[in-house]
Amino acid sequence: MSDLAVTRARGGRGRTALILAVASLVLFMGGGFAFGGVFWLLGPAAGLVAIALGLAARRDGGGHEATIAVIVAAVPVIWFAAWMIVDALG
């Protein structure tokens, strides 16, 4: 049997985290800038879940998808946190 026929039987948390990270970025950037309102909160909330899933997948031996998910999901989360800090200080 060749190596090409062997697949890992792990859960798809890395890929799920990546999809959720992209969705959080789309919710935050697309929905937030276009519509405002609840999208400013949905994006970072989905980003936090994607970060948690990505870190769990990396701990279990996940690959590049989990790492990319954490990085992509951090964008709306950090942007939202910085925006809240600046708004509170100003």
PDB file of N, CA and C in Angstrom:
ATOM      1  N   MET A   1       0.851  -1.170   0.000  1.00  0.00           N
ATOM      2  CA  MET A   1       0.000   0.000   0.000  1.00  0.00           C
ATOM      3  C   MET A   1       0.900   1.237   0.000  1.00  0.00           C
ATOM      4  N   SER A   2       0.570   2.184  -0.834  1.00  0.00           N
ATOM      5  CA  SER A   2       1.385   3.394  -0.912  1.00  0.00           C
ATOM      6  C   SER A   2       1.003   4.363   0.200  1.00  0.00           C
ATOM      7  N   ASP A   3       1.854   5.332   0.411  1.00  0.00           N
ATOM      8  CA  ASP A   3       1.585   6.351   1.423  1.00  0.00           C
ATOM      9  C   ASP A   3       0.433   7.266   1.025  1.00  0.00           C
ATOM     10  N   LEU A   4       0.126   7.311  -0.247  1.00  0.00           N
ATOM     11  CA  LEU A   4      -0.953   8.168  -0.693  1.00  0.00           C
ATOM     12  C   LEU A   4      -2.322   7.660  -0.244  1.00  0.00           C
ATOM     13  N   ALA A   5      -2.427   6.387   0.033  1.00  0.00           N
ATOM     14  CA  ALA A   5      -3.704   5.802   0.432  1.00  0.00           C
ATOM     15  C   ALA A   5      -3.947   5.939   1.932  1.00  0.00           C
ATOM     16  N   VAL A   6      -2.947   6.341   2.672  1.00  0.00           N
ATOM     17  CA  VAL A   6      -3.082   6.435   4.126  1.00  0.00           C
ATOM     18  C   VAL A   6      -3.530   7.849   4.489  1.00  0.00           C
ATOM     19  N   THR A   7      -4.601   7.935   5.255  1.00  0.00           N
ATOM     20  CA  THR A   7      -5.081   9.230   5.718  1.00  0.00           C
ATOM     21  C   THR A   7      -5.137   9.223   7.227  1.00  0.00           C
ATOM     22  N   ARG A   8      -5.030  10.386   7.796  1.00  0.00           N
ATOM     23  CA  ARG A   8      -5.144  10.491   9.241  1.00  0.00           C
ATOM     24  C   ARG A   8      -6.618  10.446   9.642  1.00  0.00           C
ATOM     25  N   ALA A   9      -6.895   9.791  10.728  1.00  0.00           N
ATOM     26  CA  ALA A   9      -8.277   9.667  11.200  1.00  0.00           C
ATOM     27  C   ALA A   9      -8.548  10.645  12.328  1.00  0.00           C
ATOM     28  N   ARG A  10      -7.983  11.812  12.257  1.00  0.00           N
ATOM     29  CA  ARG A  10      -8.206  12.833  13.291  1.00  0.00           C
ATOM     30  C   ARG A  10      -9.420  13.679  12.930  1.00  0.00           C
ATOM     31  N   GLY A  11      -9.910  14.379  13.941  1.00  0.00           N
ATOM     32  CA  GLY A  11     -11.007  15.294  13.692  1.00  0.00           C
ATOM     33  C   GLY A  11     -10.539  16.472  12.871  1.00  0.00           C
ATOM     34  N   GLY A  12     -11.432  17.114  12.221  1.00  0.00           N
ATOM     35  CA  GLY A  12     -11.095  18.237  11.354  1.00  0.00           C
ATOM     36  C   GLY A  12     -11.137  19.571  12.059  1.00  0.00           C
ATOM     37  N   ARG A  13     -10.609  19.633  13.279  1.00  0.00           N
ATOM     38  CA  ARG A  13     -10.671  20.890  14.022  1.00  0.00           C
ATOM     39  C   ARG A  13      -9.846  21.990  13.367  1.00  0.00           C
ATOM     40  N   GLY A  14      -8.722  21.642  12.756  1.00  0.00           N
ATOM     41  CA  GLY A  14      -7.908  22.655  12.094  1.00  0.00           C
ATOM     42  C   GLY A  14      -8.628  23.291  10.936  1.00  0.00           C
ATOM     43  N   ARG A  15      -9.262  22.464  10.125  1.00  0.00           N
ATOM     44  CA  ARG A  15     -10.009  22.983   8.971  1.00  0.00           C
ATOM     45  C   ARG A  15     -11.258  23.745   9.432  1.00  0.00           C
ATOM     46  N   THR A  16     -11.922  23.243  10.461  1.00  0.00           N
ATOM     47  CA  THR A  16     -13.089  23.949  11.000  1.00  0.00           C
ATOM     48  C   THR A  16     -12.682  25.302  11.560  1.00  0.00           C
ATOM     49  N   ALA A  17     -11.550  25.336  12.243  1.00  0.00           N
ATOM     50  CA  ALA A  17     -11.046  26.604  12.779  1.00  0.00           C
ATOM     51  C   ALA A  17     -10.713  27.571  11.655  1.00  0.00           C
ATOM     52  N   LEU A  18     -10.152  27.071  10.568  1.00  0.00           N
ATOM     53  CA  LEU A  18      -9.809  27.933   9.437  1.00  0.00           C
ATOM     54  C   LEU A  18     -11.056  28.511   8.785  1.00  0.00           C
ATOM     55  N   ILE A  19     -12.063  27.683   8.598  1.00  0.00           N
ATOM     56  CA  ILE A  19     -13.321  28.163   8.010  1.00  0.00           C
ATOM     57  C   ILE A  19     -13.973  29.194   8.920  1.00  0.00           C
ATOM     58  N   LEU A  20     -13.958  28.940  10.217  1.00  0.00           N
ATOM     59  CA  LEU A  20     -14.533  29.879  11.179  1.00  0.00           C
ATOM     60  C   LEU A  20     -13.727  31.171  11.241  1.00  0.00           C
ATOM     61  N   ALA A  21     -12.409  31.078  11.100  1.00  0.00           N
ATOM     62  CA  ALA A  21     -11.569  32.277  11.103  1.00  0.00           C
ATOM     63  C   ALA A  21     -11.869  33.153   9.891  1.00  0.00           C
ATOM     64  N   VAL A  22     -12.012  32.539   8.730  1.00  0.00           N
ATOM     65  CA  VAL A  22     -12.349  33.308   7.524  1.00  0.00           C
ATOM     66  C   VAL A  22     -13.746  33.911   7.662  1.00  0.00           C
ATOM     67  N   ALA A  23     -14.671  33.146   8.225  1.00  0.00           N
ATOM     68  CA  ALA A  23     -16.024  33.671   8.438  1.00  0.00           C
ATOM     69  C   ALA A  23     -16.000  34.846   9.413  1.00  0.00           C
ATOM     70  N   SER A  24     -15.164  34.773  10.443  1.00  0.00           N
ATOM     71  CA  SER A  24     -15.090  35.883  11.389  1.00  0.00           C
ATOM     72  C   SER A  24     -14.516  37.126  10.732  1.00  0.00           C
ATOM     73  N   LEU A  25     -13.543  36.932   9.869  1.00  0.00           N
ATOM     74  CA  LEU A  25     -12.969  38.073   9.146  1.00  0.00           C
ATOM     75  C   LEU A  25     -13.998  38.688   8.200  1.00  0.00           C
ATOM     76  N   VAL A  26     -14.760  37.852   7.520  1.00  0.00           N
ATOM     77  CA  VAL A  26     -15.801  38.353   6.613  1.00  0.00           C
ATOM     78  C   VAL A  26     -16.908  39.050   7.403  1.00  0.00           C
ATOM     79  N   LEU A  27     -17.310  38.477   8.532  1.00  0.00           N
ATOM     80  CA  LEU A  27     -18.332  39.118   9.361  1.00  0.00           C
ATOM     81  C   LEU A  27     -17.862  40.474   9.864  1.00  0.00           C
ATOM     82  N   PHE A  28     -16.624  40.515  10.343  1.00  0.00           N
ATOM     83  CA  PHE A  28     -16.118  41.751  10.923  1.00  0.00           C
ATOM     84  C   PHE A  28     -15.875  42.818   9.864  1.00  0.00           C
ATOM     85  N   MET A  29     -15.132  42.458   8.827  1.00  0.00           N
ATOM     86  CA  MET A  29     -14.778  43.446   7.806  1.00  0.00           C
ATOM     87  C   MET A  29     -15.971  43.753   6.898  1.00  0.00           C
ATOM     88  N   GLY A  30     -16.556  42.722   6.336  1.00  0.00           N
ATOM     89  CA  GLY A  30     -17.658  42.935   5.404  1.00  0.00           C
ATOM     90  C   GLY A  30     -18.919  43.413   6.084  1.00  0.00           C
ATOM     91  N   GLY A  31     -19.358  42.656   7.069  1.00  0.00           N
ATOM     92  CA  GLY A  31     -20.599  43.011   7.755  1.00  0.00           C
ATOM     93  C   GLY A  31     -20.473  44.255   8.600  1.00  0.00           C
ATOM     94  N   GLY A  32     -19.355  44.380   9.292  1.00  0.00           N
ATOM     95  CA  GLY A  32     -19.174  45.533  10.165  1.00  0.00           C
ATOM     96  C   GLY A  32     -19.091  46.841   9.404  1.00  0.00           C
ATOM     97  N   PHE A  33     -18.288  46.863   8.350  1.00  0.00           N
ATOM     98  CA  PHE A  33     -18.143  48.097   7.595  1.00  0.00           C
ATOM     99  C   PHE A  33     -19.370  48.389   6.733  1.00  0.00           C
ATOM    100  N   ALA A  34     -20.017  47.350   6.233  1.00  0.00           N
ATOM    101  CA  ALA A  34     -21.171  47.570   5.359  1.00  0.00           C
ATOM    102  C   ALA A  34     -22.447  47.857   6.148  1.00  0.00           C
ATOM    103  N   PHE A  35     -22.674  47.096   7.215  1.00  0.00           N
ATOM    104  CA  PHE A  35     -23.943  47.208   7.935  1.00  0.00           C
ATOM    105  C   PHE A  35     -23.790  47.721   9.359  1.00  0.00           C
ATOM    106  N   GLY A  36     -22.640  47.486   9.984  1.00  0.00           N
ATOM    107  CA  GLY A  36     -22.447  47.910  11.368  1.00  0.00           C
ATOM    108  C   GLY A  36     -23.230  47.039  12.329  1.00  0.00           C
ATOM    109  N   GLY A  37     -23.554  47.580  13.459  1.00  0.00           N
ATOM    110  CA  GLY A  37     -24.386  46.898  14.435  1.00  0.00           C
ATOM    111  C   GLY A  37     -23.786  45.630  15.000  1.00  0.00           C
ATOM    112  N   VAL A  38     -24.556  44.572  14.950  1.00  0.00           N
ATOM    113  CA  VAL A  38     -24.193  43.318  15.595  1.00  0.00           C
ATOM    114  C   VAL A  38     -22.992  42.644  14.923  1.00  0.00           C
ATOM    115  N   PHE A  39     -22.712  42.989  13.682  1.00  0.00           N
ATOM    116  CA  PHE A  39     -21.582  42.372  12.986  1.00  0.00           C
ATOM    117  C   PHE A  39     -20.245  42.743  13.618  1.00  0.00           C
ATOM    118  N   TRP A  40     -20.182  43.918  14.264  1.00  0.00           N
ATOM    119  CA  TRP A  40     -18.957  44.301  14.952  1.00  0.00           C
ATOM    120  C   TRP A  40     -18.673  43.361  16.123  1.00  0.00           C
ATOM    121  N   LEU A  41     -19.703  42.731  16.660  1.00  0.00           N
ATOM    122  CA  LEU A  41     -19.516  41.788  17.775  1.00  0.00           C
ATOM    123  C   LEU A  41     -19.431  40.337  17.309  1.00  0.00           C
ATOM    124  N   LEU A  42     -20.152  39.990  16.249  1.00  0.00           N
ATOM    125  CA  LEU A  42     -20.141  38.609  15.757  1.00  0.00           C
ATOM    126  C   LEU A  42     -18.776  38.198  15.213  1.00  0.00           C
ATOM    127  N   GLY A  43     -18.104  39.117  14.540  1.00  0.00           N
ATOM    128  CA  GLY A  43     -16.791  38.814  13.975  1.00  0.00           C
ATOM    129  C   GLY A  43     -15.766  38.432  15.030  1.00  0.00           C
ATOM    130  N   PRO A  44     -15.543  39.281  16.038  1.00  0.00           N
ATOM    131  CA  PRO A  44     -14.582  38.913  17.081  1.00  0.00           C
ATOM    132  C   PRO A  44     -15.012  37.701  17.912  1.00  0.00           C
ATOM    133  N   ALA A  45     -16.315  37.519  18.119  1.00  0.00           N
ATOM    134  CA  ALA A  45     -16.779  36.345  18.871  1.00  0.00           C
ATOM    135  C   ALA A  45     -16.456  35.063  18.106  1.00  0.00           C
ATOM    136  N   ALA A  46     -16.724  35.069  16.813  1.00  0.00           N
ATOM    137  CA  ALA A  46     -16.373  33.908  15.990  1.00  0.00           C
ATOM    138  C   ALA A  46     -14.861  33.738  15.928  1.00  0.00           C
ATOM    139  N   GLY A  47     -14.126  34.844  15.952  1.00  0.00           N
ATOM    140  CA  GLY A  47     -12.671  34.784  15.959  1.00  0.00           C
ATOM    141  C   GLY A  47     -12.122  34.130  17.217  1.00  0.00           C
ATOM    142  N   LEU A  48     -12.713  34.445  18.356  1.00  0.00           N
ATOM    143  CA  LEU A  48     -12.269  33.812  19.607  1.00  0.00           C
ATOM    144  C   LEU A  48     -12.505  32.304  19.587  1.00  0.00           C
ATOM    145  N   VAL A  49     -13.631  31.888  19.042  1.00  0.00           N
ATOM    146  CA  VAL A  49     -13.914  30.453  18.928  1.00  0.00           C
ATOM    147  C   VAL A  49     -12.925  29.798  17.959  1.00  0.00           C
ATOM    148  N   ALA A  50     -12.620  30.478  16.866  1.00  0.00           N
ATOM    149  CA  ALA A  50     -11.661  29.942  15.898  1.00  0.00           C
ATOM    150  C   ALA A  50     -10.270  29.830  16.502  1.00  0.00           C
ATOM    151  N   ILE A  51      -9.882  30.801  17.320  1.00  0.00           N
ATOM    152  CA  ILE A  51      -8.576  30.741  17.988  1.00  0.00           C
ATOM    153  C   ILE A  51      -8.536  29.556  18.942  1.00  0.00           C
ATOM    154  N   ALA A  52      -9.605  29.370  19.709  1.00  0.00           N
ATOM    155  CA  ALA A  52      -9.642  28.239  20.646  1.00  0.00           C
ATOM    156  C   ALA A  52      -9.579  26.903  19.900  1.00  0.00           C
ATOM    157  N   LEU A  53     -10.331  26.777  18.816  1.00  0.00           N
ATOM    158  CA  LEU A  53     -10.286  25.543  18.024  1.00  0.00           C
ATOM    159  C   LEU A  53      -8.920  25.332  17.381  1.00  0.00           C
ATOM    160  N   GLY A  54      -8.328  26.408  16.884  1.00  0.00           N
ATOM    161  CA  GLY A  54      -7.013  26.309  16.260  1.00  0.00           C
ATOM    162  C   GLY A  54      -5.936  25.899  17.249  1.00  0.00           C
ATOM    163  N   LEU A  55      -5.975  26.468  18.439  1.00  0.00           N
ATOM    164  CA  LEU A  55      -4.992  26.093  19.461  1.00  0.00           C
ATOM    165  C   LEU A  55      -5.195  24.653  19.921  1.00  0.00           C
ATOM    166  N   ALA A  56      -6.444  24.227  20.043  1.00  0.00           N
ATOM    167  CA  ALA A  56      -6.711  22.831  20.408  1.00  0.00           C
ATOM    168  C   ALA A  56      -6.229  21.877  19.320  1.00  0.00           C
ATOM    169  N   ALA A  57      -6.430  22.265  18.072  1.00  0.00           N
ATOM    170  CA  ALA A  57      -5.968  21.423  16.964  1.00  0.00           C
ATOM    171  C   ALA A  57      -4.445  21.356  16.927  1.00  0.00           C
ATOM    172  N   ARG A  58      -3.776  22.476  17.188  1.00  0.00           N
ATOM    173  CA  ARG A  58      -2.312  22.473  17.213  1.00  0.00           C
ATOM    174  C   ARG A  58      -1.788  21.604  18.353  1.00  0.00           C
ATOM    175  N   ARG A  59      -2.461  21.631  19.480  1.00  0.00           N
ATOM    176  CA  ARG A  59      -2.044  20.809  20.617  1.00  0.00           C
ATOM    177  C   ARG A  59      -2.167  19.320  20.299  1.00  0.00           C
ATOM    178  N   ASP A  60      -3.153  18.985  19.479  1.00  0.00           N
ATOM    179  CA  ASP A  60      -3.359  17.589  19.092  1.00  0.00           C
ATOM    180  C   ASP A  60      -2.591  17.206  17.834  1.00  0.00           C
ATOM    181  N   GLY A  61      -1.691  18.057  17.390  1.00  0.00           N
ATOM    182  CA  GLY A  61      -0.876  17.723  16.229  1.00  0.00           C
ATOM    183  C   GLY A  61      -1.423  18.235  14.916  1.00  0.00           C
ATOM    184  N   GLY A  62      -2.273  19.238  14.956  1.00  0.00           N
ATOM    185  CA  GLY A  62      -2.819  19.800  13.733  1.00  0.00           C
ATOM    186  C   GLY A  62      -1.748  20.478  12.907  1.00  0.00           C
ATOM    187  N   GLY A  63      -2.017  20.667  11.657  1.00  0.00           N
ATOM    188  CA  GLY A  63      -1.026  21.190  10.733  1.00  0.00           C
ATOM    189  C   GLY A  63      -1.122  22.681  10.512  1.00  0.00           C
ATOM    190  N   HIS A  64      -0.809  23.064   9.287  1.00  0.00           N
ATOM    191  CA  HIS A  64      -0.740  24.474   8.923  1.00  0.00           C
ATOM    192  C   HIS A  64      -2.103  25.152   8.977  1.00  0.00           C
ATOM    193  N   GLU A  65      -3.154  24.413   8.745  1.00  0.00           N
ATOM    194  CA  GLU A  65      -4.485  25.017   8.753  1.00  0.00           C
ATOM    195  C   GLU A  65      -4.807  25.615  10.113  1.00  0.00           C
ATOM    196  N   ALA A  66      -4.425  24.905  11.172  1.00  0.00           N
ATOM    197  CA  ALA A  66      -4.704  25.401  12.518  1.00  0.00           C
ATOM    198  C   ALA A  66      -3.894  26.661  12.810  1.00  0.00           C
ATOM    199  N   THR A  67      -2.646  26.685  12.372  1.00  0.00           N
ATOM    200  CA  THR A  67      -1.809  27.862  12.592  1.00  0.00           C
ATOM    201  C   THR A  67      -2.339  29.068  11.832  1.00  0.00           C
ATOM    202  N   ILE A  68      -2.711  28.850  10.587  1.00  0.00           N
ATOM    203  CA  ILE A  68      -3.261  29.935   9.775  1.00  0.00           C
ATOM    204  C   ILE A  68      -4.575  30.422  10.366  1.00  0.00           C
ATOM    205  N   ALA A  69      -5.380  29.507  10.900  1.00  0.00           N
ATOM    206  CA  ALA A  69      -6.655  29.888  11.508  1.00  0.00           C
ATOM    207  C   ALA A  69      -6.435  30.813  12.697  1.00  0.00           C
ATOM    208  N   VAL A  70      -5.450  30.510  13.526  1.00  0.00           N
ATOM    209  CA  VAL A  70      -5.178  31.355  14.691  1.00  0.00           C
ATOM    210  C   VAL A  70      -4.735  32.748  14.243  1.00  0.00           C
ATOM    211  N   ILE A  71      -3.906  32.813  13.224  1.00  0.00           N
ATOM    212  CA  ILE A  71      -3.411  34.103  12.743  1.00  0.00           C
ATOM    213  C   ILE A  71      -4.535  34.921  12.109  1.00  0.00           C
ATOM    214  N   VAL A  72      -5.335  34.288  11.261  1.00  0.00           N
ATOM    215  CA  VAL A  72      -6.428  35.003  10.586  1.00  0.00           C
ATOM    216  C   VAL A  72      -7.484  35.446  11.587  1.00  0.00           C
ATOM    217  N   ALA A  73      -7.804  34.605  12.546  1.00  0.00           N
ATOM    218  CA  ALA A  73      -8.835  34.946  13.532  1.00  0.00           C
ATOM    219  C   ALA A  73      -8.367  36.028  14.490  1.00  0.00           C
ATOM    220  N   ALA A  74      -7.052  36.171  14.647  1.00  0.00           N
ATOM    221  CA  ALA A  74      -6.539  37.198  15.551  1.00  0.00           C
ATOM    222  C   ALA A  74      -6.763  38.604  15.007  1.00  0.00           C
ATOM    223  N   VAL A  75      -6.905  38.741  13.696  1.00  0.00           N
ATOM    224  CA  VAL A  75      -7.062  40.074  13.098  1.00  0.00           C
ATOM    225  C   VAL A  75      -8.315  40.777  13.624  1.00  0.00           C
ATOM    226  N   PRO A  76      -9.518  40.209  13.492  1.00  0.00           N
ATOM    227  CA  PRO A  76     -10.685  40.938  14.013  1.00  0.00           C
ATOM    228  C   PRO A  76     -10.697  41.038  15.541  1.00  0.00           C
ATOM    229  N   VAL A  77     -10.138  40.051  16.217  1.00  0.00           N
ATOM    230  CA  VAL A  77     -10.137  40.089  17.679  1.00  0.00           C
ATOM    231  C   VAL A  77      -9.245  41.224  18.180  1.00  0.00           C
ATOM    232  N   ILE A  78      -8.031  41.322  17.646  1.00  0.00           N
ATOM    233  CA  ILE A  78      -7.114  42.378  18.079  1.00  0.00           C
ATOM    234  C   ILE A  78      -7.617  43.744  17.637  1.00  0.00           C
ATOM    235  N   TRP A  79      -8.156  43.818  16.421  1.00  0.00           N
ATOM    236  CA  TRP A  79      -8.687  45.084  15.928  1.00  0.00           C
ATOM    237  C   TRP A  79      -9.828  45.563  16.824  1.00  0.00           C
ATOM    238  N   PHE A  80     -10.729  44.667  17.190  1.00  0.00           N
ATOM    239  CA  PHE A  80     -11.856  45.030  18.050  1.00  0.00           C
ATOM    240  C   PHE A  80     -11.369  45.446  19.436  1.00  0.00           C
ATOM    241  N   ALA A  81     -10.408  44.708  19.987  1.00  0.00           N
ATOM    242  CA  ALA A  81      -9.880  45.058  21.312  1.00  0.00           C
ATOM    243  C   ALA A  81      -9.189  46.423  21.291  1.00  0.00           C
ATOM    244  N   ALA A  82      -8.404  46.675  20.254  1.00  0.00           N
ATOM    245  CA  ALA A  82      -7.736  47.974  20.154  1.00  0.00           C
ATOM    246  C   ALA A  82      -8.753  49.103  19.991  1.00  0.00           C
ATOM    247  N   TRP A  83      -9.785  48.856  19.199  1.00  0.00           N
ATOM    248  CA  TRP A  83     -10.817  49.862  18.987  1.00  0.00           C
ATOM    249  C   TRP A  83     -11.550  50.178  20.308  1.00  0.00           C
ATOM    250  N   MET A  84     -11.827  49.158  21.088  1.00  0.00           N
ATOM    251  CA  MET A  84     -12.497  49.354  22.374  1.00  0.00           C
ATOM    252  C   MET A  84     -11.611  50.113  23.363  1.00  0.00           C
ATOM    253  N   ILE A  85     -10.313  49.819  23.370  1.00  0.00           N
ATOM    254  CA  ILE A  85      -9.390  50.518  24.271  1.00  0.00           C
ATOM    255  C   ILE A  85      -9.276  51.985  23.884  1.00  0.00           C
ATOM    256  N   VAL A  86      -9.127  52.250  22.595  1.00  0.00           N
ATOM    257  CA  VAL A  86      -9.023  53.635  22.133  1.00  0.00           C
ATOM    258  C   VAL A  86     -10.311  54.396  22.431  1.00  0.00           C
ATOM    259  N   ASP A  87     -11.438  53.749  22.238  1.00  0.00           N
ATOM    260  CA  ASP A  87     -12.725  54.393  22.510  1.00  0.00           C
ATOM    261  C   ASP A  87     -12.885  54.678  24.002  1.00  0.00           C
ATOM    262  N   ALA A  88     -12.410  53.775  24.850  1.00  0.00           N
ATOM    263  CA  ALA A  88     -12.520  53.977  26.288  1.00  0.00           C
ATOM    264  C   ALA A  88     -11.582  55.091  26.772  1.00  0.00           C
ATOM    265  N   LEU A  89     -10.425  55.210  26.156  1.00  0.00           N
ATOM    266  CA  LEU A  89      -9.479  56.232  26.576  1.00  0.00           C
ATOM    267  C   LEU A  89      -9.799  57.608  26.024  1.00  0.00           C
ATOM    268  N   GLY A  90     -10.446  57.635  24.874  1.00  0.00           N
ATOM    269  CA  GLY A  90     -10.705  58.928  24.225  1.00  0.00           C
ATOM    270  C   GLY A  90     -12.063  59.386  24.479  1.00  0.00           C
TER     271      GLY A  90
END
